[in-house]
Amino acid sequence: MVVARELNITKAAAILNISQQSLSRHILSLEKELEMALFDRGARLTLTDAGNALYMNASKILDLKAQMLAQMRDIGSFRHSHIRIGVTLARSPIYLPFFLPKFLSLFPEAQVHLMEKHSEFLFDDLLEGKIDVVVGIEPVNKADFISYPLCIEDYAILVPKKMLSFYMRSEEIDALDKFPEALSIERFKSFPFLAIDSTKRIGRIFKEVCAQSGFEPNVILESGSISTLVNLCLRGLGVTICPTIFVELSKIQSDVFDSIKIYPIPNSPLQTNIAITLSRNRYASRLTREFIRIAKEEFVQSENRTFTEHYLTHKNRSF
């Protein structure tokens, strides 16, 4: 398995902590038993069709064994099990504090492992069994996954106050404050934009919304980091778009947000459904199912509300 994955005898032997000679003898013995070559030993080691078939099927067998052992542990004592949670770096500090403490208070013996990556990599890891659940956006490919909706992630336009008075007349600024439901991205078409990377989902939607509104945004900088975009906006470099809840939480930690105006975008295609997702074809442990149950209970009133509304309601109850 290791040789098939690494396609390098030296590297595989080091990982397995055995000599290259021993590993080579083992491969030759297996090829002799199967009466076919598993590797093409050219300038670069590659799998033959037989080797690839063996690797794929052996991977499935080992995966099924891992799932079987997980079920056996559940039958024994699931409370001492572990759960591997996938979440993006930007969303981890926003969503997990709302239900992870309750989960850990109910299951103090449970081991929690966080895997923080970009969403597209998280769903690959979920399919491969490297993580148990993903907290974040719903997957595009619904066939392989089951998602449990939690809430809606709404977005806002962040505008440096000095830039507002430079690009807009005072009566236009007043109209934005008086009629927030009429706000659209088109109102800011003359402003310089700090945009989310156009290879990302929100970045693509932003470009599409601008095109549908009939203008090409003046993008002076793109980044995949919301924190970077917000901080550059705070420095007055340009207008940016980010989840409203990100701003609400950041405002608690700093008063620098006094330098910008925050305009929620109503009924926008940018709104994102946040859910807990697991693989449709993999065993979900009892601990995983309990984690999903607790998260759903926390957000039971929020499926049709934005997370910002949920957060502000929760915050007000705390005081």
C-alpha atoms as a PDB file:
ATOM      1  CA  MET A   1       0.000   0.000   0.000  1.00  0.00           C
ATOM      2  CA  VAL A   2       2.734   2.435   0.977  1.00  0.00           C
ATOM      3  CA  VAL A   3       4.805   1.675  -2.133  1.00  0.00           C
ATOM      4  CA  ALA A   4       1.720   2.114  -4.350  1.00  0.00           C
ATOM      5  CA  ARG A   5       0.987   5.441  -2.709  1.00  0.00           C
ATOM      6  CA  GLU A   6       4.539   6.803  -2.705  1.00  0.00           C
ATOM      7  CA  LEU A   7       5.756   5.128  -5.942  1.00  0.00           C
ATOM      8  CA  ASN A   8       9.218   5.218  -4.456  1.00  0.00           C
ATOM      9  CA  ILE A   9      10.905   2.177  -2.841  1.00  0.00           C
ATOM     10  CA  THR A  10      13.387   4.240  -0.809  1.00  0.00           C
ATOM     11  CA  LYS A  11      10.716   6.542   0.622  1.00  0.00           C
ATOM     12  CA  ALA A  12       8.300   3.670   1.316  1.00  0.00           C
ATOM     13  CA  ALA A  13      11.000   1.648   3.103  1.00  0.00           C
ATOM     14  CA  ALA A  14      11.801   4.641   5.324  1.00  0.00           C
ATOM     15  CA  ILE A  15       8.109   5.090   6.209  1.00  0.00           C
ATOM     16  CA  LEU A  16       7.740   1.389   7.010  1.00  0.00           C
ATOM     17  CA  ASN A  17      11.061   1.361   8.867  1.00  0.00           C
ATOM     18  CA  ILE A  18      12.419  -1.644   6.961  1.00  0.00           C
ATOM     19  CA  SER A  19      15.279  -2.073   4.509  1.00  0.00           C
ATOM     20  CA  GLN A  20      14.803  -1.530   0.761  1.00  0.00           C
ATOM     21  CA  GLN A  21      15.947  -5.104   0.149  1.00  0.00           C
ATOM     22  CA  SER A  22      13.273  -6.544   2.464  1.00  0.00           C
ATOM     23  CA  LEU A  23      10.583  -4.413   0.852  1.00  0.00           C
ATOM     24  CA  SER A  24      11.670  -5.395  -2.669  1.00  0.00           C
ATOM     25  CA  ARG A  25      11.639  -9.092  -1.714  1.00  0.00           C
ATOM     26  CA  HIS A  26       8.112  -8.707  -0.298  1.00  0.00           C
ATOM     27  CA  ILE A  27       6.873  -7.109  -3.553  1.00  0.00           C
ATOM     28  CA  LEU A  28       8.494  -9.824  -5.680  1.00  0.00           C
ATOM     29  CA  SER A  29       6.938 -12.503  -3.466  1.00  0.00           C
ATOM     30  CA  LEU A  30       3.497 -10.926  -3.865  1.00  0.00           C
ATOM     31  CA  GLU A  31       3.926 -10.653  -7.649  1.00  0.00           C
ATOM     32  CA  LYS A  32       4.963 -14.319  -7.764  1.00  0.00           C
ATOM     33  CA  GLU A  33       1.884 -15.323  -5.741  1.00  0.00           C
ATOM     34  CA  LEU A  34      -0.441 -13.320  -8.028  1.00  0.00           C
ATOM     35  CA  GLU A  35       1.494 -14.396 -11.144  1.00  0.00           C
ATOM     36  CA  MET A  36       1.581 -10.849 -12.537  1.00  0.00           C
ATOM     37  CA  ALA A  37       3.662  -7.693 -12.254  1.00  0.00           C
ATOM     38  CA  LEU A  38       2.338  -4.964  -9.971  1.00  0.00           C
ATOM     39  CA  PHE A  39       4.869  -2.273 -10.936  1.00  0.00           C
ATOM     40  CA  ASP A  40       6.518  -1.061 -14.121  1.00  0.00           C
ATOM     41  CA  ARG A  41      10.150  -0.646 -13.118  1.00  0.00           C
ATOM     42  CA  GLY A  42      11.254   1.952 -15.654  1.00  0.00           C
ATOM     43  CA  ALA A  43      13.058   5.228 -15.027  1.00  0.00           C
ATOM     44  CA  ARG A  44      10.148   6.004 -12.706  1.00  0.00           C
ATOM     45  CA  LEU A  45       8.196   3.448 -10.701  1.00  0.00           C
ATOM     46  CA  THR A  46       4.552   3.223 -11.819  1.00  0.00           C
ATOM     47  CA  LEU A  47       1.632   0.885 -11.153  1.00  0.00           C
ATOM     48  CA  THR A  48       0.579  -1.655 -13.763  1.00  0.00           C
ATOM     49  CA  ASP A  49      -3.145  -2.199 -14.372  1.00  0.00           C
ATOM     50  CA  ALA A  50      -2.953  -5.158 -11.979  1.00  0.00           C
ATOM     51  CA  GLY A  51      -1.123  -3.061  -9.387  1.00  0.00           C
ATOM     52  CA  ASN A  52      -3.664  -0.285  -9.635  1.00  0.00           C
ATOM     53  CA  ALA A  53      -6.560  -2.766  -9.270  1.00  0.00           C
ATOM     54  CA  LEU A  54      -4.919  -4.314  -6.206  1.00  0.00           C
ATOM     55  CA  TYR A  55      -4.269  -0.888  -4.655  1.00  0.00           C
ATOM     56  CA  MET A  56      -7.849   0.343  -5.211  1.00  0.00           C
ATOM     57  CA  ASN A  57      -9.465  -2.820  -3.835  1.00  0.00           C
ATOM     58  CA  ALA A  58      -7.060  -3.106  -0.893  1.00  0.00           C
ATOM     59  CA  SER A  59      -7.829   0.524  -0.023  1.00  0.00           C
ATOM     60  CA  LYS A  60     -11.544  -0.265   0.053  1.00  0.00           C
ATOM     61  CA  ILE A  61     -10.964  -3.339   2.228  1.00  0.00           C
ATOM     62  CA  LEU A  62      -8.872  -1.381   4.738  1.00  0.00           C
ATOM     63  CA  ASP A  63     -11.461   1.399   4.766  1.00  0.00           C
ATOM     64  CA  LEU A  64     -14.262  -1.102   5.448  1.00  0.00           C
ATOM     65  CA  LYS A  65     -12.155  -2.584   8.246  1.00  0.00           C
ATOM     66  CA  ALA A  66     -11.734   0.881   9.799  1.00  0.00           C
ATOM     67  CA  GLN A  67     -15.491   1.492   9.604  1.00  0.00           C
ATOM     68  CA  MET A  68     -16.192  -1.933  11.126  1.00  0.00           C
ATOM     69  CA  LEU A  69     -13.835  -1.196  14.045  1.00  0.00           C
ATOM     70  CA  ALA A  70     -15.575   2.156  14.558  1.00  0.00           C
ATOM     71  CA  GLN A  71     -18.898   0.338  14.828  1.00  0.00           C
ATOM     72  CA  MET A  72     -17.391  -2.122  17.320  1.00  0.00           C
ATOM     73  CA  ARG A  73     -16.108   0.780  19.444  1.00  0.00           C
ATOM     74  CA  ASP A  74     -19.601   2.291  19.351  1.00  0.00           C
ATOM     75  CA  ILE A  75     -21.084  -0.940  20.674  1.00  0.00           C
ATOM     76  CA  GLY A  76     -18.501  -0.872  23.461  1.00  0.00           C
ATOM     77  CA  SER A  77     -18.242   2.706  24.716  1.00  0.00           C
ATOM     78  CA  PHE A  78     -18.825   5.441  22.144  1.00  0.00           C
ATOM     79  CA  ARG A  79     -18.215   8.188  24.723  1.00  0.00           C
ATOM     80  CA  HIS A  80     -14.491   7.438  24.663  1.00  0.00           C
ATOM     81  CA  SER A  81     -14.407   7.646  20.877  1.00  0.00           C
ATOM     82  CA  HIS A  82     -13.147  10.535  18.764  1.00  0.00           C
ATOM     83  CA  ILE A  83     -14.628  12.852  16.149  1.00  0.00           C
ATOM     84  CA  ARG A  84     -12.772  14.588  13.329  1.00  0.00           C
ATOM     85  CA  ILE A  85     -14.370  17.887  12.343  1.00  0.00           C
ATOM     86  CA  GLY A  86     -13.532  19.685   9.099  1.00  0.00           C
ATOM     87  CA  VAL A  87     -14.075  23.450   8.984  1.00  0.00           C
ATOM     88  CA  THR A  88     -12.499  26.396   7.174  1.00  0.00           C
ATOM     89  CA  LEU A  89     -10.118  28.679   9.066  1.00  0.00           C
ATOM     90  CA  ALA A  90     -12.470  31.643   8.603  1.00  0.00           C
ATOM     91  CA  ARG A  91     -15.566  29.824   9.902  1.00  0.00           C
ATOM     92  CA  SER A  92     -13.960  27.823  12.725  1.00  0.00           C
ATOM     93  CA  PRO A  93     -13.908  30.681  15.318  1.00  0.00           C
ATOM     94  CA  ILE A  94     -17.377  31.821  14.245  1.00  0.00           C
ATOM     95  CA  TYR A  95     -19.532  28.691  14.334  1.00  0.00           C
ATOM     96  CA  LEU A  96     -17.850  26.133  16.597  1.00  0.00           C
ATOM     97  CA  PRO A  97     -18.122  28.190  19.829  1.00  0.00           C
ATOM     98  CA  PHE A  98     -21.923  28.020  19.533  1.00  0.00           C
ATOM     99  CA  PHE A  99     -22.233  24.258  19.961  1.00  0.00           C
ATOM    100  CA  LEU A 100     -18.828  22.636  20.570  1.00  0.00           C
ATOM    101  CA  PRO A 101     -18.697  23.616  24.299  1.00  0.00           C
ATOM    102  CA  LYS A 102     -22.099  21.982  24.890  1.00  0.00           C
ATOM    103  CA  PHE A 103     -20.987  18.856  23.012  1.00  0.00           C
ATOM    104  CA  LEU A 104     -17.820  18.574  25.113  1.00  0.00           C
ATOM    105  CA  SER A 105     -19.719  19.177  28.355  1.00  0.00           C
ATOM    106  CA  LEU A 106     -21.987  16.224  27.514  1.00  0.00           C
ATOM    107  CA  PHE A 107     -19.129  14.030  26.253  1.00  0.00           C
ATOM    108  CA  PRO A 108     -16.025  15.104  28.221  1.00  0.00           C
ATOM    109  CA  GLU A 109     -14.147  11.880  27.365  1.00  0.00           C
ATOM    110  CA  ALA A 110     -14.508  12.433  23.627  1.00  0.00           C
ATOM    111  CA  GLN A 111     -11.451  13.423  21.628  1.00  0.00           C
ATOM    112  CA  VAL A 112     -12.047  16.198  19.087  1.00  0.00           C
ATOM    113  CA  HIS A 113      -9.698  16.691  16.153  1.00  0.00           C
ATOM    114  CA  LEU A 114     -10.130  19.815  14.012  1.00  0.00           C
ATOM    115  CA  MET A 115      -9.068  19.824  10.386  1.00  0.00           C
ATOM    116  CA  GLU A 116      -8.994  23.404   9.102  1.00  0.00           C
ATOM    117  CA  LYS A 117      -8.706  23.701   5.317  1.00  0.00           C
ATOM    118  CA  HIS A 118     -10.426  25.269   2.307  1.00  0.00           C
ATOM    119  CA  SER A 119     -13.913  23.850   1.678  1.00  0.00           C
ATOM    120  CA  GLU A 120     -13.032  22.048  -1.564  1.00  0.00           C
ATOM    121  CA  PHE A 121     -10.314  20.013   0.206  1.00  0.00           C
ATOM    122  CA  LEU A 122     -12.563  19.243   3.186  1.00  0.00           C
ATOM    123  CA  PHE A 123     -15.144  17.451   1.045  1.00  0.00           C
ATOM    124  CA  ASP A 124     -12.394  15.355  -0.565  1.00  0.00           C
ATOM    125  CA  ASP A 125     -11.196  14.381   2.924  1.00  0.00           C
ATOM    126  CA  LEU A 126     -14.776  13.538   3.929  1.00  0.00           C
ATOM    127  CA  LEU A 127     -15.156  11.147   0.983  1.00  0.00           C
ATOM    128  CA  GLU A 128     -11.824   9.530   1.775  1.00  0.00           C
ATOM    129  CA  GLY A 129     -12.747   9.027   5.438  1.00  0.00           C
ATOM    130  CA  LYS A 130     -10.057  11.357   6.785  1.00  0.00           C
ATOM    131  CA  ILE A 131     -12.706  13.400   8.648  1.00  0.00           C
ATOM    132  CA  ASP A 132     -16.196  12.616   9.957  1.00  0.00           C
ATOM    133  CA  VAL A 133     -18.147  15.822   9.326  1.00  0.00           C
ATOM    134  CA  VAL A 134     -17.769  19.212   7.658  1.00  0.00           C
ATOM    135  CA  VAL A 135     -19.207  22.374   9.188  1.00  0.00           C
ATOM    136  CA  GLY A 136     -19.650  24.981   6.474  1.00  0.00           C
ATOM    137  CA  ILE A 137     -21.145  25.430   3.036  1.00  0.00           C
ATOM    138  CA  GLU A 138     -23.207  22.675   1.459  1.00  0.00           C
ATOM    139  CA  PRO A 139     -21.387  20.560  -1.148  1.00  0.00           C
ATOM    140  CA  VAL A 140     -22.135  21.092  -4.827  1.00  0.00           C
ATOM    141  CA  ASN A 141     -22.257  17.333  -5.389  1.00  0.00           C
ATOM    142  CA  LYS A 142     -25.237  16.255  -3.260  1.00  0.00           C
ATOM    143  CA  ALA A 143     -25.186  12.584  -4.384  1.00  0.00           C
ATOM    144  CA  ASP A 144     -22.251  11.592  -2.160  1.00  0.00           C
ATOM    145  CA  PHE A 145     -23.217  13.610   0.922  1.00  0.00           C
ATOM    146  CA  ILE A 146     -25.971  14.212   3.476  1.00  0.00           C
ATOM    147  CA  SER A 147     -26.298  17.791   4.782  1.00  0.00           C
ATOM    148  CA  TYR A 148     -28.198  19.110   7.808  1.00  0.00           C
ATOM    149  CA  PRO A 149     -28.985  22.854   7.451  1.00  0.00           C
ATOM    150  CA  LEU A 150     -28.010  25.093  10.359  1.00  0.00           C
ATOM    151  CA  CYS A 151     -28.453  28.702   9.257  1.00  0.00           C
ATOM    152  CA  ILE A 152     -27.882  31.252   6.489  1.00  0.00           C
ATOM    153  CA  GLU A 153     -24.644  33.208   6.257  1.00  0.00           C
ATOM    154  CA  ASP A 154     -25.449  36.772   5.148  1.00  0.00           C
ATOM    155  CA  TYR A 155     -23.024  39.279   3.642  1.00  0.00           C
ATOM    156  CA  ALA A 156     -22.349  43.005   3.949  1.00  0.00           C
ATOM    157  CA  ILE A 157     -20.454  45.673   2.023  1.00  0.00           C
ATOM    158  CA  LEU A 158     -17.734  47.381   4.046  1.00  0.00           C
ATOM    159  CA  VAL A 159     -16.929  50.919   2.916  1.00  0.00           C
ATOM    160  CA  PRO A 160     -14.287  53.279   4.357  1.00  0.00           C
ATOM    161  CA  LYS A 161     -16.128  56.422   5.532  1.00  0.00           C
ATOM    162  CA  LYS A 162     -13.617  58.740   3.835  1.00  0.00           C
ATOM    163  CA  MET A 163     -14.181  56.923   0.567  1.00  0.00           C
ATOM    164  CA  LEU A 164     -17.964  57.328   0.877  1.00  0.00           C
ATOM    165  CA  SER A 165     -17.771  61.110   0.920  1.00  0.00           C
ATOM    166  CA  PHE A 166     -15.298  61.066  -1.985  1.00  0.00           C
ATOM    167  CA  TYR A 167     -17.401  58.922  -4.335  1.00  0.00           C
ATOM    168  CA  MET A 168     -20.937  59.827  -3.237  1.00  0.00           C
ATOM    169  CA  ARG A 169     -22.983  62.949  -2.645  1.00  0.00           C
ATOM    170  CA  SER A 170     -24.317  63.505   0.870  1.00  0.00           C
ATOM    171  CA  GLU A 171     -27.917  62.825  -0.226  1.00  0.00           C
ATOM    172  CA  GLU A 172     -26.851  59.456  -1.714  1.00  0.00           C
ATOM    173  CA  ILE A 173     -25.179  58.497   1.572  1.00  0.00           C
ATOM    174  CA  ASP A 174     -28.299  59.507   3.506  1.00  0.00           C
ATOM    175  CA  ALA A 175     -30.429  57.335   1.194  1.00  0.00           C
ATOM    176  CA  LEU A 176     -28.244  54.297   1.983  1.00  0.00           C
ATOM    177  CA  ASP A 177     -28.901  54.812   5.697  1.00  0.00           C
ATOM    178  CA  LYS A 178     -32.627  55.466   5.320  1.00  0.00           C
ATOM    179  CA  PHE A 179     -33.450  52.692   2.834  1.00  0.00           C
ATOM    180  CA  PRO A 180     -31.088  49.763   3.547  1.00  0.00           C
ATOM    181  CA  GLU A 181     -33.504  47.309   1.895  1.00  0.00           C
ATOM    182  CA  ALA A 182     -32.900  49.079  -1.438  1.00  0.00           C
ATOM    183  CA  LEU A 183     -29.121  48.654  -1.283  1.00  0.00           C
ATOM    184  CA  SER A 184     -27.375  46.915  -4.175  1.00  0.00           C
ATOM    185  CA  ILE A 185     -23.752  46.347  -5.154  1.00  0.00           C
ATOM    186  CA  GLU A 186     -24.341  48.514  -8.220  1.00  0.00           C
ATOM    187  CA  ARG A 187     -24.406  51.601  -5.962  1.00  0.00           C
ATOM    188  CA  PHE A 188     -20.684  51.101  -5.434  1.00  0.00           C
ATOM    189  CA  LYS A 189     -19.652  50.477  -9.040  1.00  0.00           C
ATOM    190  CA  SER A 190     -17.349  53.523  -9.096  1.00  0.00           C
ATOM    191  CA  PHE A 191     -15.491  52.435  -5.920  1.00  0.00           C
ATOM    192  CA  PRO A 192     -12.231  50.439  -5.894  1.00  0.00           C
ATOM    193  CA  PHE A 193     -12.941  46.868  -4.741  1.00  0.00           C
ATOM    194  CA  LEU A 194     -10.927  44.502  -2.573  1.00  0.00           C
ATOM    195  CA  ALA A 195     -12.412  41.256  -3.863  1.00  0.00           C
ATOM    196  CA  ILE A 196     -12.544  37.667  -2.698  1.00  0.00           C
ATOM    197  CA  ASP A 197     -10.407  35.463  -4.951  1.00  0.00           C
ATOM    198  CA  SER A 198     -12.437  34.776  -8.111  1.00  0.00           C
ATOM    199  CA  THR A 199     -11.446  31.090  -7.979  1.00  0.00           C
ATOM    200  CA  LYS A 200     -13.496  30.814  -4.765  1.00  0.00           C
ATOM    201  CA  ARG A 201     -17.261  30.304  -4.742  1.00  0.00           C
ATOM    202  CA  ILE A 202     -18.118  33.729  -3.260  1.00  0.00           C
ATOM    203  CA  GLY A 203     -15.612  35.419  -5.558  1.00  0.00           C
ATOM    204  CA  ARG A 204     -17.310  33.873  -8.599  1.00  0.00           C
ATOM    205  CA  ILE A 205     -20.788  34.850  -7.361  1.00  0.00           C
ATOM    206  CA  PHE A 206     -19.593  38.420  -6.736  1.00  0.00           C
ATOM    207  CA  LYS A 207     -18.377  38.678 -10.336  1.00  0.00           C
ATOM    208  CA  GLU A 208     -21.673  37.228 -11.609  1.00  0.00           C
ATOM    209  CA  VAL A 209     -23.774  39.653  -9.525  1.00  0.00           C
ATOM    210  CA  CYS A 210     -21.768  42.601 -10.867  1.00  0.00           C
ATOM    211  CA  ALA A 211     -22.184  41.360 -14.452  1.00  0.00           C
ATOM    212  CA  GLN A 212     -25.945  40.950 -13.956  1.00  0.00           C
ATOM    213  CA  SER A 213     -26.050  44.518 -12.629  1.00  0.00           C
ATOM    214  CA  GLY A 214     -24.356  45.715 -15.810  1.00  0.00           C
ATOM    215  CA  PHE A 215     -20.925  46.778 -14.590  1.00  0.00           C
ATOM    216  CA  GLU A 216     -17.359  45.522 -14.311  1.00  0.00           C
ATOM    217  CA  PRO A 217     -16.042  46.078 -10.753  1.00  0.00           C
ATOM    218  CA  ASN A 218     -12.821  48.032 -10.356  1.00  0.00           C
ATOM    219  CA  VAL A 219     -10.927  45.264  -8.535  1.00  0.00           C
ATOM    220  CA  ILE A 220      -7.589  46.577  -7.309  1.00  0.00           C
ATOM    221  CA  LEU A 221      -6.753  43.511  -5.214  1.00  0.00           C
ATOM    222  CA  GLU A 222      -7.897  39.892  -4.835  1.00  0.00           C
ATOM    223  CA  SER A 223      -7.297  37.652  -1.831  1.00  0.00           C
ATOM    224  CA  GLY A 224      -8.575  34.349  -0.518  1.00  0.00           C
ATOM    225  CA  SER A 225      -8.351  35.676   3.048  1.00  0.00           C
ATOM    226  CA  ILE A 226     -11.358  37.546   4.462  1.00  0.00           C
ATOM    227  CA  SER A 227      -9.186  38.860   7.311  1.00  0.00           C
ATOM    228  CA  THR A 228      -6.764  40.415   4.831  1.00  0.00           C
ATOM    229  CA  LEU A 229      -9.557  42.080   2.843  1.00  0.00           C
ATOM    230  CA  VAL A 230     -11.253  43.481   5.946  1.00  0.00           C
ATOM    231  CA  ASN A 231      -8.009  44.835   7.388  1.00  0.00           C
ATOM    232  CA  LEU A 232      -7.094  46.515   4.098  1.00  0.00           C
ATOM    233  CA  CYS A 233     -10.585  48.016   3.968  1.00  0.00           C
ATOM    234  CA  LEU A 234     -10.079  49.365   7.493  1.00  0.00           C
ATOM    235  CA  ARG A 235      -6.928  51.049   6.189  1.00  0.00           C
ATOM    236  CA  GLY A 236      -9.052  52.840   3.593  1.00  0.00           C
ATOM    237  CA  LEU A 237      -7.712  50.958   0.579  1.00  0.00           C
ATOM    238  CA  GLY A 238     -11.101  50.036  -0.912  1.00  0.00           C
ATOM    239  CA  VAL A 239     -14.548  48.486  -0.547  1.00  0.00           C
ATOM    240  CA  THR A 240     -14.927  44.815   0.310  1.00  0.00           C
ATOM    241  CA  ILE A 241     -17.620  42.195   0.920  1.00  0.00           C
ATOM    242  CA  CYS A 242     -17.597  39.695   3.770  1.00  0.00           C
ATOM    243  CA  PRO A 243     -19.935  37.696   6.038  1.00  0.00           C
ATOM    244  CA  THR A 244     -21.738  40.096   8.389  1.00  0.00           C
ATOM    245  CA  ILE A 245     -21.077  37.856  11.382  1.00  0.00           C
ATOM    246  CA  PHE A 246     -17.321  38.157  10.796  1.00  0.00           C
ATOM    247  CA  VAL A 247     -17.631  41.913  11.269  1.00  0.00           C
ATOM    248  CA  GLU A 248     -19.891  41.602  14.322  1.00  0.00           C
ATOM    249  CA  LEU A 249     -17.390  39.371  16.114  1.00  0.00           C
ATOM    250  CA  SER A 250     -14.414  41.514  15.086  1.00  0.00           C
ATOM    251  CA  LYS A 251     -16.119  44.683  16.345  1.00  0.00           C
ATOM    252  CA  ILE A 252     -16.126  43.237  19.846  1.00  0.00           C
ATOM    253  CA  GLN A 253     -12.341  42.957  19.772  1.00  0.00           C
ATOM    254  CA  SER A 254     -11.509  46.319  18.222  1.00  0.00           C
ATOM    255  CA  ASP A 255     -12.842  49.853  17.823  1.00  0.00           C
ATOM    256  CA  VAL A 256     -11.119  50.372  14.451  1.00  0.00           C
ATOM    257  CA  PHE A 257     -14.416  49.525  12.758  1.00  0.00           C
ATOM    258  CA  ASP A 258     -15.529  53.083  13.523  1.00  0.00           C
ATOM    259  CA  SER A 259     -13.628  54.061  10.384  1.00  0.00           C
ATOM    260  CA  ILE A 260     -15.950  52.161   8.033  1.00  0.00           C
ATOM    261  CA  LYS A 261     -19.653  51.903   7.207  1.00  0.00           C
ATOM    262  CA  ILE A 262     -21.236  48.445   7.135  1.00  0.00           C
ATOM    263  CA  TYR A 263     -24.147  47.914   4.744  1.00  0.00           C
ATOM    264  CA  PRO A 264     -25.910  44.505   4.888  1.00  0.00           C
ATOM    265  CA  ILE A 265     -26.802  43.246   1.404  1.00  0.00           C
ATOM    266  CA  PRO A 266     -30.489  42.195   1.386  1.00  0.00           C
ATOM    267  CA  ASN A 267     -31.670  39.101  -0.530  1.00  0.00           C
ATOM    268  CA  SER A 268     -28.295  38.584  -2.151  1.00  0.00           C
ATOM    269  CA  PRO A 269     -27.105  35.554  -4.152  1.00  0.00           C
ATOM    270  CA  LEU A 270     -24.022  35.819  -1.947  1.00  0.00           C
ATOM    271  CA  GLN A 271     -25.999  34.401   0.984  1.00  0.00           C
ATOM    272  CA  THR A 272     -24.651  30.968   1.864  1.00  0.00           C
ATOM    273  CA  ASN A 273     -26.419  28.017   3.458  1.00  0.00           C
ATOM    274  CA  ILE A 274     -24.346  26.731   6.357  1.00  0.00           C
ATOM    275  CA  ALA A 275     -24.775  23.046   7.171  1.00  0.00           C
ATOM    276  CA  ILE A 276     -23.188  20.018   8.774  1.00  0.00           C
ATOM    277  CA  THR A 277     -22.314  17.472   6.105  1.00  0.00           C
ATOM    278  CA  LEU A 278     -21.264  13.840   6.270  1.00  0.00           C
ATOM    279  CA  SER A 279     -20.536  11.215   3.645  1.00  0.00           C
ATOM    280  CA  ARG A 280     -23.611   9.322   2.461  1.00  0.00           C
ATOM    281  CA  ASN A 281     -21.763   6.011   2.046  1.00  0.00           C
ATOM    282  CA  ARG A 282     -19.700   5.910   5.240  1.00  0.00           C
ATOM    283  CA  TYR A 283     -20.583   4.776   8.732  1.00  0.00           C
ATOM    284  CA  ALA A 284     -21.429   7.694  11.038  1.00  0.00           C
ATOM    285  CA  SER A 285     -20.451   6.922  14.628  1.00  0.00           C
ATOM    286  CA  ARG A 286     -22.803   7.551  17.527  1.00  0.00           C
ATOM    287  CA  LEU A 287     -20.526  10.378  18.657  1.00  0.00           C
ATOM    288  CA  THR A 288     -20.798  11.948  15.209  1.00  0.00           C
ATOM    289  CA  ARG A 289     -24.581  11.618  15.307  1.00  0.00           C
ATOM    290  CA  GLU A 290     -24.661  13.225  18.769  1.00  0.00           C
ATOM    291  CA  PHE A 291     -22.501  16.090  17.498  1.00  0.00           C
ATOM    292  CA  ILE A 292     -24.962  16.689  14.646  1.00  0.00           C
ATOM    293  CA  ARG A 293     -27.940  16.515  17.012  1.00  0.00           C
ATOM    294  CA  ILE A 294     -26.461  19.115  19.390  1.00  0.00           C
ATOM    295  CA  ALA A 295     -25.558  21.468  16.540  1.00  0.00           C
ATOM    296  CA  LYS A 296     -29.057  21.192  15.064  1.00  0.00           C
ATOM    297  CA  GLU A 297     -30.604  21.893  18.468  1.00  0.00           C
ATOM    298  CA  GLU A 298     -28.533  25.050  18.834  1.00  0.00           C
ATOM    299  CA  PHE A 299     -29.646  26.300  15.440  1.00  0.00           C
ATOM    300  CA  VAL A 300     -33.166  24.854  15.438  1.00  0.00           C
ATOM    301  CA  GLN A 301     -34.704  28.323  15.191  1.00  0.00           C
ATOM    302  CA  SER A 302     -32.158  29.542  12.648  1.00  0.00           C
ATOM    303  CA  GLU A 303     -32.627  27.460   9.494  1.00  0.00           C
ATOM    304  CA  ASN A 304     -34.495  30.322   7.832  1.00  0.00           C
ATOM    305  CA  ARG A 305     -32.598  33.079   9.617  1.00  0.00           C
ATOM    306  CA  THR A 306     -29.190  34.543   9.026  1.00  0.00           C
ATOM    307  CA  PHE A 307     -26.451  33.613  11.438  1.00  0.00           C
ATOM    308  CA  THR A 308     -26.031  37.287  12.310  1.00  0.00           C
ATOM    309  CA  GLU A 309     -29.622  37.352  13.580  1.00  0.00           C
ATOM    310  CA  HIS A 310     -29.000  34.139  15.525  1.00  0.00           C
ATOM    311  CA  TYR A 311     -25.792  35.569  17.002  1.00  0.00           C
ATOM    312  CA  LEU A 312     -27.384  38.874  18.054  1.00  0.00           C
ATOM    313  CA  THR A 313     -30.334  37.049  19.659  1.00  0.00           C
ATOM    314  CA  HIS A 314     -27.927  34.758  21.515  1.00  0.00           C
ATOM    315  CA  LYS A 315     -25.817  37.747  22.572  1.00  0.00           C
ATOM    316  CA  ASN A 316     -28.812  39.675  23.913  1.00  0.00           C
ATOM    317  CA  ARG A 317     -29.941  36.670  25.970  1.00  0.00           C
ATOM    318  CA  SER A 318     -26.502  36.541  27.552  1.00  0.00           C
ATOM    319  CA  PHE A 319     -26.806  40.024  29.059  1.00  0.00           C
END
